[in-house]
Amino acid sequence: MGGTNGLKETAPVGSSTLGVNVFTAPGKPMVGERPKPLGEALGFDPMTSTLIFGDADAVLVDAMTTVAEAEALADWIALHNRNLETIYITHAHFDHFYGLSILLDRFPGARAIATPKTVNAMQMSFTPPVERLARRLFPGQVATRLVAPEPYEHDTFTLEGHELRIIEQGRTDGPDSTSLYVPSIGLIVAGDVVYNQCRMYVGDTTPESRKNWIAHLDGLAALNPTIVVAGHKKTGAPDSPSAIQDTKRYLEDFDRVQKTATSDQDLFDQMTALYPDWVANQSWLMFGFPGV
């Protein structure tokens, strides 16, 4: 039963199979002005946290943004009646870990981890300017105490004898992205490497970084998963492997349209027309986060 504080690095005798459930928080308004007068009123896209569980223990992937989201997530986890061993954070965007202190208070036996590169990239989110920005965008909704996960030096850990593999993917919609792969059940929890019927944050990308992103999407597809959980998804959308190809198609379409669009309005309108049923028609997703 190797590891400390609930994190197992060696494989114990485990459950015959693992289960997975996905918690989806709906989109929410933000206070402030849109970076460009396009699309919907300023708001944040819906997002996910994923619980992977065996007979007795569980692992959570990503920890939400606001106190209300994290408290609802904690109540949902408790319904599973499992011992939460580990909270894994996929990447350094604060919407995926600002709720972490709420969860650790609720589940003090859990250990929160992320790759060393992700932990390093997170440090910007603990600086006064970014923390002030978050509290201005979500007034009264951000935890008083913000905490970071511990840097985890290995590329695998286990849950009841099942291997969970960390896949490092570099820059996708942000720096030092990762996904978590569980081979025994064909599960990929993709963080923001995959979006599912939700418009994508390309405002912090370049043609070169999008090439890297697409290459890693191809790498995920090559694993032939049966379940793929996107970091942001339309409420009720199935956690289908098809989301990998949909994400790739959006990036390819954005590259193509950006080269010929005559204005920001034209680029925004063309992408909106190509993806009319996708949620979160936010101009900041395309042109950059407000205040940054």
Protein backbone atom coordinates (compact mmCIF):
# COMPACT_ATOMS: atom_id res chain seq x y z
CA MET A 1 0.00 0.00 0.00
CA GLY A 2 2.78 2.45 -0.92
CA GLY A 3 2.53 6.23 -0.85
CA THR A 4 1.55 8.64 1.88
CA ASN A 5 -1.59 10.45 2.95
CA GLY A 6 -3.81 8.23 0.86
CA LEU A 7 -1.80 8.34 -2.38
CA LYS A 8 -0.86 4.86 -3.53
CA GLU A 9 2.05 4.45 -5.92
CA THR A 10 2.15 0.65 -5.75
CA ALA A 11 -0.74 -1.57 -6.64
CA PRO A 12 -2.70 -3.16 -3.80
CA VAL A 13 -5.22 -5.91 -4.27
CA GLY A 14 -8.06 -3.90 -5.73
CA SER A 15 -11.58 -3.82 -7.00
CA SER A 16 -12.46 -5.72 -10.14
CA THR A 17 -13.48 -2.55 -11.92
CA LEU A 18 -13.74 1.19 -11.40
CA GLY A 19 -16.70 3.47 -11.80
CA VAL A 20 -16.79 7.04 -13.04
CA ASN A 21 -19.29 9.85 -12.55
CA VAL A 22 -19.09 13.40 -13.85
CA PHE A 23 -20.22 16.54 -12.01
CA THR A 24 -21.09 19.43 -14.31
CA ALA A 25 -21.47 22.96 -12.97
CA PRO A 26 -23.56 25.23 -15.19
CA GLY A 27 -22.22 28.38 -16.78
CA LYS A 28 -22.29 31.45 -14.55
CA PRO A 29 -22.30 35.22 -15.04
CA MET A 30 -19.20 37.31 -14.43
CA VAL A 31 -19.16 40.94 -13.34
CA GLY A 32 -17.52 43.25 -15.86
CA GLU A 33 -17.41 44.23 -19.49
CA ARG A 34 -16.79 41.93 -22.41
CA PRO A 35 -13.35 42.40 -24.00
CA LYS A 36 -15.18 42.95 -27.30
CA PRO A 37 -18.86 43.81 -27.82
CA LEU A 38 -19.62 40.43 -29.38
CA GLY A 39 -21.69 37.45 -28.29
CA GLU A 40 -23.37 36.87 -24.96
CA ALA A 41 -23.17 38.97 -21.81
CA LEU A 42 -19.97 38.33 -19.88
CA GLY A 43 -20.08 34.88 -18.32
CA PHE A 44 -18.15 31.70 -17.68
CA ASP A 45 -18.58 28.41 -19.48
CA PRO A 46 -19.89 25.24 -17.77
CA MET A 47 -17.23 22.98 -16.32
CA THR A 48 -16.68 19.51 -14.95
CA SER A 49 -15.12 17.55 -12.11
CA THR A 50 -14.81 13.78 -12.36
CA LEU A 51 -14.98 11.14 -9.63
CA ILE A 52 -13.27 7.81 -10.30
CA PHE A 53 -14.15 5.25 -7.65
CA GLY A 54 -13.64 1.66 -6.62
CA ASP A 55 -15.27 -0.40 -3.90
CA ALA A 56 -13.98 1.79 -1.07
CA ASP A 57 -11.79 4.62 -2.35
CA ALA A 58 -12.02 7.41 -4.91
CA VAL A 59 -10.02 9.97 -6.88
CA LEU A 60 -11.38 13.37 -7.87
CA VAL A 61 -10.14 15.21 -10.95
CA ASP A 62 -10.37 19.04 -10.75
CA ALA A 63 -11.94 21.11 -8.01
CA MET A 64 -14.20 23.84 -9.45
CA THR A 65 -13.97 27.61 -8.99
CA THR A 66 -16.44 29.07 -6.53
CA VAL A 67 -17.38 28.19 -2.97
CA ALA A 68 -20.91 27.23 -4.02
CA GLU A 69 -19.61 24.93 -6.77
CA ALA A 70 -17.05 23.28 -4.48
CA GLU A 71 -19.60 22.80 -1.70
CA ALA A 72 -22.08 21.24 -4.12
CA LEU A 73 -19.29 19.06 -5.49
CA ALA A 74 -18.34 17.96 -1.95
CA ASP A 75 -21.96 17.02 -1.19
CA TRP A 76 -22.11 15.04 -4.45
CA ILE A 77 -18.86 13.22 -3.62
CA ALA A 78 -20.22 12.33 -0.17
CA LEU A 79 -23.22 10.64 -1.79
CA HIS A 80 -20.83 8.05 -3.24
CA ASN A 81 -19.82 6.89 0.26
CA ARG A 82 -16.17 6.39 -0.70
CA ASN A 83 -12.93 7.48 0.92
CA LEU A 84 -11.56 10.34 -1.18
CA GLU A 85 -7.84 9.58 -1.39
CA THR A 86 -6.57 11.96 -4.05
CA ILE A 87 -7.58 15.17 -5.82
CA TYR A 88 -5.74 15.55 -9.11
CA ILE A 89 -5.63 18.98 -10.80
CA THR A 90 -5.17 18.82 -14.57
CA HIS A 91 -3.77 22.28 -15.27
CA ALA A 92 -3.09 25.78 -13.98
CA HIS A 93 -6.26 27.71 -14.84
CA PHE A 94 -7.79 28.90 -11.57
CA ASP A 95 -11.30 27.78 -12.50
CA HIS A 96 -10.12 24.20 -11.94
CA PHE A 97 -8.58 24.63 -8.48
CA TYR A 98 -9.78 27.74 -6.63
CA GLY A 99 -12.33 25.48 -4.93
CA LEU A 100 -9.62 23.17 -3.61
CA SER A 101 -9.53 24.48 -0.03
CA ILE A 102 -13.27 23.80 0.36
CA LEU A 103 -12.77 20.19 -0.68
CA LEU A 104 -9.72 19.65 1.53
CA ASP A 105 -11.61 21.04 4.51
CA ARG A 106 -14.45 18.63 3.79
CA PHE A 107 -12.15 15.66 3.06
CA PRO A 108 -9.04 16.22 5.21
CA GLY A 109 -7.67 12.76 4.46
CA ALA A 110 -7.33 13.54 0.74
CA ARG A 111 -4.07 14.61 -0.85
CA ALA A 112 -4.20 17.19 -3.65
CA ILE A 113 -1.58 16.77 -6.37
CA ALA A 114 -0.56 18.11 -9.77
CA THR A 115 2.54 17.85 -11.89
CA PRO A 116 5.46 20.06 -10.84
CA LYS A 117 5.10 22.09 -14.05
CA THR A 118 1.41 22.65 -13.39
CA VAL A 119 2.07 23.70 -9.78
CA ASN A 120 4.70 26.13 -11.00
CA ALA A 121 2.35 27.58 -13.61
CA MET A 122 -0.36 27.97 -10.94
CA GLN A 123 1.70 30.42 -8.93
CA MET A 124 0.45 33.32 -11.05
CA SER A 125 -3.09 32.60 -9.82
CA PHE A 126 -1.97 33.28 -6.25
CA THR A 127 -0.52 36.70 -7.06
CA PRO A 128 -2.51 39.72 -5.82
CA PRO A 129 -3.45 40.98 -9.33
CA VAL A 130 -4.96 37.67 -10.47
CA GLU A 131 -6.65 37.01 -7.13
CA ARG A 132 -8.17 40.51 -7.22
CA LEU A 133 -9.34 39.89 -10.78
CA ALA A 134 -11.04 36.63 -9.79
CA ARG A 135 -12.75 38.23 -6.81
CA ARG A 136 -13.93 41.12 -9.00
CA LEU A 137 -15.32 38.77 -11.64
CA PHE A 138 -17.00 36.52 -9.05
CA PRO A 139 -17.76 38.85 -6.12
CA GLY A 140 -18.28 37.06 -2.82
CA GLN A 141 -17.92 33.67 -4.52
CA VAL A 142 -14.18 32.87 -4.23
CA ALA A 143 -12.86 31.06 -1.14
CA THR A 144 -11.15 33.21 1.49
CA ARG A 145 -8.26 30.73 1.64
CA LEU A 146 -6.74 29.59 -1.63
CA VAL A 147 -4.39 26.60 -1.68
CA ALA A 148 -2.24 24.87 -4.27
CA PRO A 149 -1.85 21.12 -4.74
CA GLU A 150 1.41 19.39 -3.94
CA PRO A 151 3.84 18.76 -6.81
CA TYR A 152 3.75 15.08 -7.74
CA GLU A 153 6.93 13.81 -9.36
CA HIS A 154 5.66 10.53 -10.82
CA ASP A 155 3.63 9.89 -13.94
CA THR A 156 1.32 7.25 -12.47
CA PHE A 157 -0.59 6.50 -9.28
CA THR A 158 -3.16 3.87 -8.43
CA LEU A 159 -6.69 3.49 -7.18
CA GLU A 160 -7.52 0.07 -5.73
CA GLY A 161 -4.88 -1.55 -7.90
CA HIS A 162 -5.81 0.26 -11.12
CA GLU A 163 -3.20 2.46 -12.76
CA LEU A 164 -3.96 6.12 -13.44
CA ARG A 165 -1.52 7.64 -15.92
CA ILE A 166 -0.69 11.33 -16.15
CA ILE A 167 -0.24 12.52 -19.75
CA GLU A 168 1.70 15.78 -20.00
CA GLN A 169 0.70 17.79 -23.07
CA GLY A 170 2.38 21.18 -22.79
CA ARG A 171 0.49 24.23 -23.99
CA THR A 172 -3.06 23.65 -25.20
CA ASP A 173 -5.59 26.27 -24.05
CA GLY A 174 -3.05 27.23 -21.39
CA PRO A 175 0.41 26.25 -20.15
CA ASP A 176 1.45 22.79 -18.98
CA SER A 177 -1.81 20.97 -19.61
CA THR A 178 -2.32 17.35 -18.64
CA SER A 179 -4.91 14.62 -19.01
CA LEU A 180 -5.48 11.56 -16.82
CA TYR A 181 -5.81 8.15 -18.47
CA VAL A 182 -7.24 5.07 -16.78
CA PRO A 183 -6.49 2.14 -19.12
CA SER A 184 -8.52 -0.48 -17.25
CA ILE A 185 -11.79 1.30 -18.05
CA GLY A 186 -10.80 3.18 -21.19
CA LEU A 187 -11.28 6.54 -19.47
CA ILE A 188 -9.59 9.83 -20.34
CA VAL A 189 -10.27 12.80 -18.09
CA ALA A 190 -8.93 15.37 -20.47
CA GLY A 191 -9.02 18.63 -18.56
CA ASP A 192 -9.10 21.51 -21.05
CA VAL A 193 -7.33 19.50 -23.74
CA VAL A 194 -10.83 18.45 -24.85
CA TYR A 195 -14.02 20.54 -25.00
CA ASN A 196 -17.45 19.01 -25.47
CA GLN A 197 -20.05 21.11 -27.32
CA CYS A 198 -18.69 24.19 -25.59
CA ARG A 199 -16.85 26.98 -27.39
CA MET A 200 -13.15 26.80 -26.76
CA TYR A 201 -10.64 29.11 -25.12
CA VAL A 202 -8.38 29.94 -28.03
CA GLY A 203 -7.67 33.47 -26.78
CA ASP A 204 -4.35 32.37 -25.29
CA THR A 205 -3.15 30.31 -28.26
CA THR A 206 -0.96 30.77 -31.33
CA PRO A 207 -0.83 28.81 -34.60
CA GLU A 208 2.14 26.92 -33.17
CA SER A 209 0.48 26.09 -29.87
CA ARG A 210 -2.64 24.94 -31.69
CA LYS A 211 -0.48 22.54 -33.72
CA ASN A 212 0.82 21.09 -30.45
CA TRP A 213 -2.74 20.89 -29.15
CA ILE A 214 -3.93 19.03 -32.25
CA ALA A 215 -1.00 16.61 -32.06
CA HIS A 216 -1.92 15.72 -28.49
CA LEU A 217 -5.57 15.28 -29.44
CA ASP A 218 -4.37 12.74 -32.00
CA GLY A 219 -2.40 11.08 -29.22
CA LEU A 220 -5.50 10.80 -27.05
CA ALA A 221 -7.53 9.40 -29.95
CA ALA A 222 -4.83 6.77 -30.52
CA LEU A 223 -5.54 5.38 -27.05
CA ASN A 224 -9.01 4.33 -28.32
CA PRO A 225 -10.83 5.46 -25.17
CA THR A 226 -14.43 4.56 -24.45
CA ILE A 227 -15.13 7.53 -22.13
CA VAL A 228 -13.72 11.03 -22.57
CA VAL A 229 -14.53 13.75 -20.06
CA ALA A 230 -13.91 17.31 -21.22
CA GLY A 231 -12.96 20.05 -18.80
CA HIS A 232 -15.79 22.19 -20.18
CA LYS A 233 -18.91 20.73 -21.71
CA LYS A 234 -22.50 21.46 -22.53
CA THR A 235 -24.73 20.24 -19.70
CA GLY A 236 -26.08 16.81 -20.58
CA ALA A 237 -23.62 16.16 -23.40
CA PRO A 238 -22.43 12.52 -23.41
CA ASP A 239 -18.83 11.89 -22.41
CA SER A 240 -18.08 10.44 -25.81
CA PRO A 241 -14.71 9.91 -27.51
CA SER A 242 -16.16 11.90 -30.41
CA ALA A 243 -15.41 15.03 -28.37
CA ILE A 244 -11.73 14.57 -29.26
CA GLN A 245 -12.41 14.92 -32.98
CA ASP A 246 -14.89 17.74 -32.38
CA THR A 247 -12.21 19.64 -30.47
CA LYS A 248 -9.70 19.07 -33.26
CA ARG A 249 -12.21 20.22 -35.87
CA TYR A 250 -12.90 23.44 -33.97
CA LEU A 251 -9.17 24.23 -33.81
CA GLU A 252 -8.72 23.51 -37.51
CA ASP A 253 -11.75 25.64 -38.37
CA PHE A 254 -10.47 28.48 -36.21
CA ASP A 255 -7.07 28.36 -37.93
CA ARG A 256 -8.71 28.41 -41.36
CA VAL A 257 -11.24 31.15 -40.63
CA GLN A 258 -8.74 33.36 -38.79
CA LYS A 259 -6.55 33.53 -41.91
CA THR A 260 -9.33 34.95 -44.09
CA ALA A 261 -11.61 36.83 -41.66
CA THR A 262 -11.87 40.54 -42.45
CA SER A 263 -12.43 41.62 -38.82
CA ASP A 264 -12.91 40.35 -35.30
CA GLN A 265 -16.66 40.54 -35.90
CA ASP A 266 -16.31 38.44 -39.04
CA LEU A 267 -14.18 35.83 -37.28
CA PHE A 268 -16.60 35.64 -34.37
CA ASP A 269 -19.67 35.44 -36.61
CA GLN A 270 -18.19 32.71 -38.82
CA MET A 271 -17.23 30.54 -35.86
CA THR A 272 -20.66 31.10 -34.30
CA ALA A 273 -22.30 29.98 -37.53
CA LEU A 274 -20.12 26.86 -37.72
CA TYR A 275 -21.01 25.83 -34.16
CA PRO A 276 -24.56 27.14 -33.58
CA ASP A 277 -25.47 24.55 -30.94
CA TRP A 278 -22.34 24.88 -28.82
CA VAL A 279 -22.73 26.78 -25.55
CA ALA A 280 -20.77 29.72 -24.09
CA ASN A 281 -20.73 32.10 -27.03
CA GLN A 282 -18.27 34.34 -25.20
CA SER A 283 -16.00 36.79 -26.98
CA TRP A 284 -13.34 36.40 -24.27
CA LEU A 285 -12.92 32.74 -25.16
CA MET A 286 -11.82 33.84 -28.61
CA PHE A 287 -10.02 37.10 -27.87
CA GLY A 288 -8.61 36.72 -24.35
CA PHE A 289 -9.66 36.71 -20.72
CA PRO A 290 -11.07 40.01 -19.37
CA GLY A 291 -8.59 42.04 -17.38
CA VAL A 292 -5.57 39.92 -18.34
